[in-house]
């Protein structure tokens, strides 16, 4: 095994605690790794604007780190701000996914370059109330510049558009990422009803038991990370990766050292080289500290 040159960390459920923060012990371990010449890649289903506060806390701009946003849709070099964008879902596919979600009474949240398309079925009425509140709050925030906190550590640009959609024709722009959500039993049943020809075009990933992320086929965290590695003259043999959900499976399997969190889905644990403690128990820091001791 070659020396580890990069560490890739998923955010939610991995780097972040359930309170959407990073443990001080984890921060200290990752900053020490960077001081020792190992570079960080923060790879998330969140977009880069939502990753940025954590990137700043870890000082990755000072050590040549990267952000991989929206499950591999875009890569941002933290120090320079240089951004590379990969493929989005075309309008027809995005609209067809909305029709599927509405038919099966699933919540639909699609991110596109200028904002979000949102649909909440009547069966999820309490969520509809929350979405209504967030839309009204967003209207007020649009009067001001800059990003603001939404819920659970997520942020939104005050300049983003939030569109409620009710029919496929309301989807007018290509979508970067689509999230579909419902109670677990209903969600699993519905996804099994997706037309095979549609599913073949997509990368469908369980992020939690109640949330599925959908990307174009071939777009995922591992593909974006490979771009970073190749551009830096190394390969997956130089990568350690941490994750907990299906959108982490590629980087966990391909990394020289793939590490599943203690709270990870069983599929991730089955494909990992190591299983560490949970996101609440400094799982990342414990492994990184062992790595640093081994290369003294």
Protein backbone atom coordinates (compact mmCIF):
# COMPACT_ATOMS: atom_id res chain seq x y z
CA UNK A 1 0.00 0.00 0.00
CA UNK A 2 1.31 3.43 -0.94
CA UNK A 3 1.37 6.34 1.49
CA UNK A 4 -1.98 8.01 2.14
CA UNK A 5 -1.98 11.44 0.47
CA UNK A 6 -5.70 12.28 0.69
CA UNK A 7 -8.48 11.69 3.22
CA UNK A 8 -12.08 11.94 1.94
CA UNK A 9 -14.86 12.50 4.47
CA UNK A 10 -18.59 12.44 3.99
CA UNK A 11 -20.34 15.07 6.13
CA UNK A 12 -23.76 14.11 7.55
CA UNK A 13 -23.54 11.00 9.71
CA UNK A 14 -19.76 10.84 9.28
CA UNK A 15 -17.72 13.99 9.91
CA UNK A 16 -20.65 15.78 11.57
CA UNK A 17 -22.31 14.86 14.84
CA UNK A 18 -26.08 14.60 15.02
CA UNK A 19 -26.05 18.28 16.05
CA UNK A 20 -24.35 19.12 12.73
CA UNK A 21 -21.02 20.10 14.23
CA UNK A 22 -17.51 18.60 14.19
CA UNK A 23 -16.06 17.29 17.45
CA UNK A 24 -13.04 19.29 18.62
CA UNK A 25 -11.02 16.06 18.80
CA UNK A 26 -11.86 15.29 15.17
CA UNK A 27 -10.91 18.82 14.08
CA UNK A 28 -7.57 18.52 15.86
CA UNK A 29 -6.78 15.16 14.26
CA UNK A 30 -7.62 16.33 10.74
CA UNK A 31 -5.66 19.57 11.07
CA UNK A 32 -2.66 17.58 12.32
CA UNK A 33 -3.00 15.25 9.31
CA UNK A 34 -2.93 18.27 7.01
CA UNK A 35 0.15 19.65 8.75
CA UNK A 36 1.75 16.29 8.01
CA UNK A 37 1.05 16.67 4.28
CA UNK A 38 -2.26 14.79 3.92
CA UNK A 39 -4.93 16.76 2.05
CA UNK A 40 -8.66 16.69 2.82
CA UNK A 41 -11.60 16.18 0.50
CA UNK A 42 -15.01 16.98 2.01
CA UNK A 43 -17.49 15.01 -0.11
CA UNK A 44 -21.21 15.48 0.51
CA UNK A 45 -24.69 15.40 -0.92
CA UNK A 46 -24.81 19.05 0.17
CA UNK A 47 -23.74 21.71 -2.29
CA UNK A 48 -20.40 23.48 -1.84
CA UNK A 49 -21.99 26.51 -0.15
CA UNK A 50 -23.31 24.19 2.56
CA UNK A 51 -19.93 22.44 2.88
CA UNK A 52 -17.95 25.69 3.10
CA UNK A 53 -18.44 26.47 6.83
CA UNK A 54 -16.98 23.07 7.74
CA UNK A 55 -14.16 23.48 5.22
CA UNK A 56 -13.30 26.75 6.92
CA UNK A 57 -13.31 25.15 10.37
CA UNK A 58 -10.88 22.50 9.12
CA UNK A 59 -8.71 25.11 7.34
CA UNK A 60 -8.61 23.06 4.15
CA UNK A 61 -7.94 26.16 2.06
CA UNK A 62 -4.56 26.48 3.79
CA UNK A 63 -3.55 22.91 2.96
CA UNK A 64 -4.71 22.33 -0.62
CA UNK A 65 -8.04 20.70 0.17
CA UNK A 66 -11.17 20.22 -1.95
CA UNK A 67 -14.95 20.21 -1.65
CA UNK A 68 -17.04 17.71 -3.63
CA UNK A 69 -20.66 18.90 -3.67
CA UNK A 70 -24.01 17.36 -4.62
CA UNK A 71 -22.67 13.80 -4.70
CA UNK A 72 -19.99 14.62 -7.26
CA UNK A 73 -21.78 17.17 -9.43
CA UNK A 74 -19.13 19.78 -8.68
CA UNK A 75 -15.60 20.06 -7.33
CA UNK A 76 -14.23 23.20 -5.68
CA UNK A 77 -10.55 23.80 -4.97
CA UNK A 78 -10.75 25.47 -1.56
CA UNK A 79 -7.69 27.69 -1.87
CA UNK A 80 -8.47 29.18 -5.30
CA UNK A 81 -12.25 28.75 -5.56
CA UNK A 82 -11.78 27.08 -8.96
CA UNK A 83 -14.93 25.07 -9.68
CA UNK A 84 -15.45 22.12 -12.02
CA UNK A 85 -19.00 21.04 -12.83
CA UNK A 86 -20.08 17.61 -14.03
CA UNK A 87 -23.26 16.44 -15.75
CA UNK A 88 -26.77 17.40 -14.59
CA UNK A 89 -30.08 15.62 -15.29
CA UNK A 90 -31.80 16.88 -18.42
CA UNK A 91 -35.20 18.55 -18.15
CA UNK A 92 -37.09 15.56 -19.57
CA UNK A 93 -35.59 13.12 -17.05
CA UNK A 94 -36.10 15.57 -14.18
CA UNK A 95 -39.75 16.09 -15.15
CA UNK A 96 -40.27 12.35 -15.45
CA UNK A 97 -38.89 11.86 -11.94
CA UNK A 98 -41.29 14.50 -10.65
CA UNK A 99 -44.20 12.67 -12.30
CA UNK A 100 -43.04 9.45 -10.63
CA UNK A 101 -42.80 11.14 -7.21
CA UNK A 102 -46.24 12.73 -7.50
CA UNK A 103 -47.86 9.48 -8.69
CA UNK A 104 -46.54 7.65 -5.62
CA UNK A 105 -47.18 10.51 -3.16
CA UNK A 106 -43.49 11.13 -2.41
CA UNK A 107 -41.89 14.40 -1.39
CA UNK A 108 -39.73 15.80 -4.21
CA UNK A 109 -36.85 18.25 -3.73
CA UNK A 110 -34.74 19.07 -6.78
CA UNK A 111 -31.74 21.36 -6.78
CA UNK A 112 -31.01 23.28 -9.97
CA UNK A 113 -28.42 26.03 -10.58
CA UNK A 114 -30.70 28.92 -9.51
CA UNK A 115 -32.58 27.27 -6.65
CA UNK A 116 -34.97 24.44 -5.78
CA UNK A 117 -38.13 22.75 -7.09
CA UNK A 118 -40.29 21.47 -4.22
CA UNK A 119 -43.36 19.21 -4.07
CA UNK A 120 -44.94 17.88 -0.86
CA UNK A 121 -47.92 15.49 -1.14
CA UNK A 122 -51.00 15.90 1.04
CA UNK A 123 -50.08 12.71 2.91
CA UNK A 124 -47.09 14.59 4.35
CA UNK A 125 -49.12 17.60 5.46
CA UNK A 126 -46.95 18.42 8.54
CA UNK A 127 -43.94 18.72 6.23
CA UNK A 128 -46.02 20.92 3.95
CA UNK A 129 -46.48 23.35 6.85
CA UNK A 130 -42.71 23.43 7.47
CA UNK A 131 -42.01 24.00 3.76
CA UNK A 132 -44.56 26.82 3.72
CA UNK A 133 -42.82 28.44 6.67
CA UNK A 134 -39.42 28.12 5.00
CA UNK A 135 -40.74 29.66 1.78
CA UNK A 136 -42.14 32.66 3.65
CA UNK A 137 -38.88 33.04 5.55
CA UNK A 138 -36.96 32.85 2.29
CA UNK A 139 -39.04 35.69 0.82
CA UNK A 140 -37.97 37.86 3.74
CA UNK A 141 -34.33 36.82 3.46
CA UNK A 142 -34.23 37.65 -0.27
CA UNK A 143 -34.24 41.31 0.73
CA UNK A 144 -30.74 40.79 2.11
CA UNK A 145 -27.49 39.52 0.62
CA UNK A 146 -25.64 36.37 1.65
CA UNK A 147 -26.43 32.89 2.88
CA UNK A 148 -28.59 32.07 5.91
CA UNK A 149 -29.29 29.05 8.09
CA UNK A 150 -32.35 26.95 7.21
CA UNK A 151 -32.64 23.78 9.34
CA UNK A 152 -30.23 21.27 10.81
CA UNK A 153 -27.09 23.10 9.78
CA UNK A 154 -28.20 23.57 6.19
CA UNK A 155 -27.80 26.97 4.58
CA UNK A 156 -29.42 28.65 1.59
CA UNK A 157 -28.43 31.58 -0.56
CA UNK A 158 -30.78 34.54 -0.17
CA UNK A 159 -30.70 34.81 -3.98
CA UNK A 160 -31.92 31.25 -4.59
CA UNK A 161 -35.39 30.63 -6.03
CA UNK A 162 -37.77 28.17 -4.35
CA UNK A 163 -40.52 26.95 -6.69
CA UNK A 164 -43.50 24.83 -5.64
CA UNK A 165 -44.27 22.48 -8.52
CA UNK A 166 -47.50 20.65 -9.24
CA UNK A 167 -47.01 19.18 -12.74
CA UNK A 168 -44.06 17.95 -14.85
CA UNK A 169 -44.21 21.03 -17.09
CA UNK A 170 -43.23 23.15 -14.06
CA UNK A 171 -39.72 21.65 -14.27
CA UNK A 172 -38.06 23.99 -16.75
CA UNK A 173 -34.34 23.60 -16.01
CA UNK A 174 -31.88 20.71 -15.72
CA UNK A 175 -31.54 19.44 -12.16
CA UNK A 176 -28.25 18.89 -10.36
CA UNK A 177 -29.62 16.48 -7.76
CA UNK A 178 -33.07 15.19 -6.84
CA UNK A 179 -34.10 14.05 -3.37
CA UNK A 180 -37.16 11.85 -2.86
CA UNK A 181 -38.43 11.17 0.63
CA UNK A 182 -41.22 9.50 2.61
CA UNK A 183 -41.61 7.10 5.52
CA UNK A 184 -39.21 4.15 4.92
CA UNK A 185 -41.76 1.45 4.08
CA UNK A 186 -43.58 3.68 1.59
CA UNK A 187 -40.34 4.92 0.05
CA UNK A 188 -38.91 1.44 -0.52
CA UNK A 189 -42.19 0.23 -2.03
CA UNK A 190 -42.39 3.18 -4.42
CA UNK A 191 -38.77 2.99 -5.60
CA UNK A 192 -39.42 -0.61 -6.57
CA UNK A 193 -42.11 0.69 -8.95
CA UNK A 194 -39.72 2.92 -10.93
CA UNK A 195 -39.64 2.06 -14.65
CA UNK A 196 -36.50 0.11 -15.56
CA UNK A 197 -35.61 2.37 -18.49
CA UNK A 198 -35.72 5.41 -16.18
CA UNK A 199 -33.70 3.76 -13.44
CA UNK A 200 -31.02 2.74 -15.96
CA UNK A 201 -30.29 6.44 -16.57
CA UNK A 202 -29.84 7.20 -12.89
CA UNK A 203 -27.71 6.65 -9.82
CA UNK A 204 -30.25 5.97 -7.04
CA UNK A 205 -28.78 6.04 -3.52
CA UNK A 206 -30.28 5.57 -0.04
CA UNK A 207 -28.88 8.38 2.12
CA UNK A 208 -31.08 7.56 5.11
CA UNK A 209 -33.98 5.16 5.61
CA UNK A 210 -36.38 7.93 4.57
CA UNK A 211 -34.35 9.82 1.94
CA UNK A 212 -33.06 8.84 -1.51
CA UNK A 213 -30.67 10.96 -3.57
CA UNK A 214 -30.86 10.64 -7.35
CA UNK A 215 -28.07 11.66 -9.73
CA UNK A 216 -27.31 11.06 -13.41
CA UNK A 217 -25.67 7.68 -14.10
CA UNK A 218 -21.92 7.91 -13.59
CA UNK A 219 -22.04 10.94 -11.32
CA UNK A 220 -21.05 10.11 -7.75
CA UNK A 221 -18.53 11.05 -5.10
CA UNK A 222 -15.97 8.46 -6.19
CA UNK A 223 -15.93 9.72 -9.80
CA UNK A 224 -15.32 13.30 -8.62
CA UNK A 225 -12.65 12.17 -6.17
CA UNK A 226 -10.94 10.27 -8.99
CA UNK A 227 -10.74 13.53 -10.95
CA UNK A 228 -9.02 15.18 -7.99
CA UNK A 229 -6.59 12.30 -7.49
CA UNK A 230 -5.64 12.08 -11.17
CA UNK A 231 -5.11 15.84 -11.37
CA UNK A 232 -2.68 15.48 -8.47
CA UNK A 233 -0.79 12.57 -9.99
CA UNK A 234 -2.05 9.84 -7.66
CA UNK A 235 -4.77 7.19 -7.59
CA UNK A 236 -7.15 5.53 -5.14
CA UNK A 237 -4.19 3.70 -3.59
CA UNK A 238 -3.35 7.06 -1.95
CA UNK A 239 -6.84 7.60 -0.48
CA UNK A 240 -8.43 6.94 2.89
CA UNK A 241 -12.22 7.43 2.85
CA UNK A 242 -14.88 7.66 5.57
CA UNK A 243 -18.63 7.25 5.03
CA UNK A 244 -21.94 5.95 6.34
CA UNK A 245 -24.48 5.75 3.47
CA UNK A 246 -25.00 4.44 -0.06
CA UNK A 247 -23.73 7.63 -1.67
CA UNK A 248 -20.36 6.80 -0.05
CA UNK A 249 -20.11 3.23 -1.34
CA UNK A 250 -17.93 4.00 -4.37
CA UNK A 251 -15.22 5.84 -2.47
CA UNK A 252 -15.29 3.29 0.38
CA UNK A 253 -14.77 0.37 -2.03
CA UNK A 254 -12.11 2.06 -4.18
CA UNK A 255 -10.00 3.69 -1.46
CA UNK A 256 -6.84 2.01 -0.21
CA UNK A 257 -8.45 2.24 3.23
CA UNK A 258 -12.24 2.47 3.24
CA UNK A 259 -13.65 3.15 6.70
CA UNK A 260 -17.29 2.71 7.71
CA UNK A 261 -18.61 4.66 10.67
CA UNK A 262 -20.07 2.71 13.57
CA UNK A 263 -23.47 4.16 12.67
CA UNK A 264 -23.12 3.31 8.95
CA UNK A 265 -25.61 1.30 6.89
CA UNK A 266 -24.84 -2.43 6.79
CA UNK A 267 -23.97 -2.23 3.09
CA UNK A 268 -21.17 0.24 3.86
CA UNK A 269 -19.82 -1.87 6.72
CA UNK A 270 -19.80 -4.95 4.48
CA UNK A 271 -17.68 -3.17 1.87
CA UNK A 272 -15.29 -1.33 4.20
CA UNK A 273 -11.76 -2.30 5.17
CA UNK A 274 -12.34 -1.03 8.69
CA UNK A 275 -15.25 -0.11 10.95
CA UNK A 276 -14.64 2.71 13.41
CA UNK A 277 -16.70 4.32 16.17
CA UNK A 278 -19.77 6.41 15.37
CA UNK A 279 -19.96 10.05 14.31
CA UNK A 280 -20.72 10.88 17.96
CA UNK A 281 -17.60 9.08 19.23
CA UNK A 282 -14.72 10.63 17.24
CA UNK A 283 -14.79 7.76 14.76
CA UNK A 284 -12.72 9.66 12.19
CA UNK A 285 -10.21 11.03 14.67
CA UNK A 286 -9.42 7.61 16.14
CA UNK A 287 -8.50 6.18 12.73
CA UNK A 288 -6.56 9.26 11.63
CA UNK A 289 -4.56 9.27 14.87
CA UNK A 290 -3.58 5.62 14.28
CA UNK A 291 -2.58 6.46 10.71
CA UNK A 292 -0.37 9.34 11.84
CA UNK A 293 1.32 7.18 14.48
CA UNK A 294 2.08 4.55 11.83
CA UNK A 295 3.92 7.03 9.62
CA UNK A 296 6.10 8.66 12.30
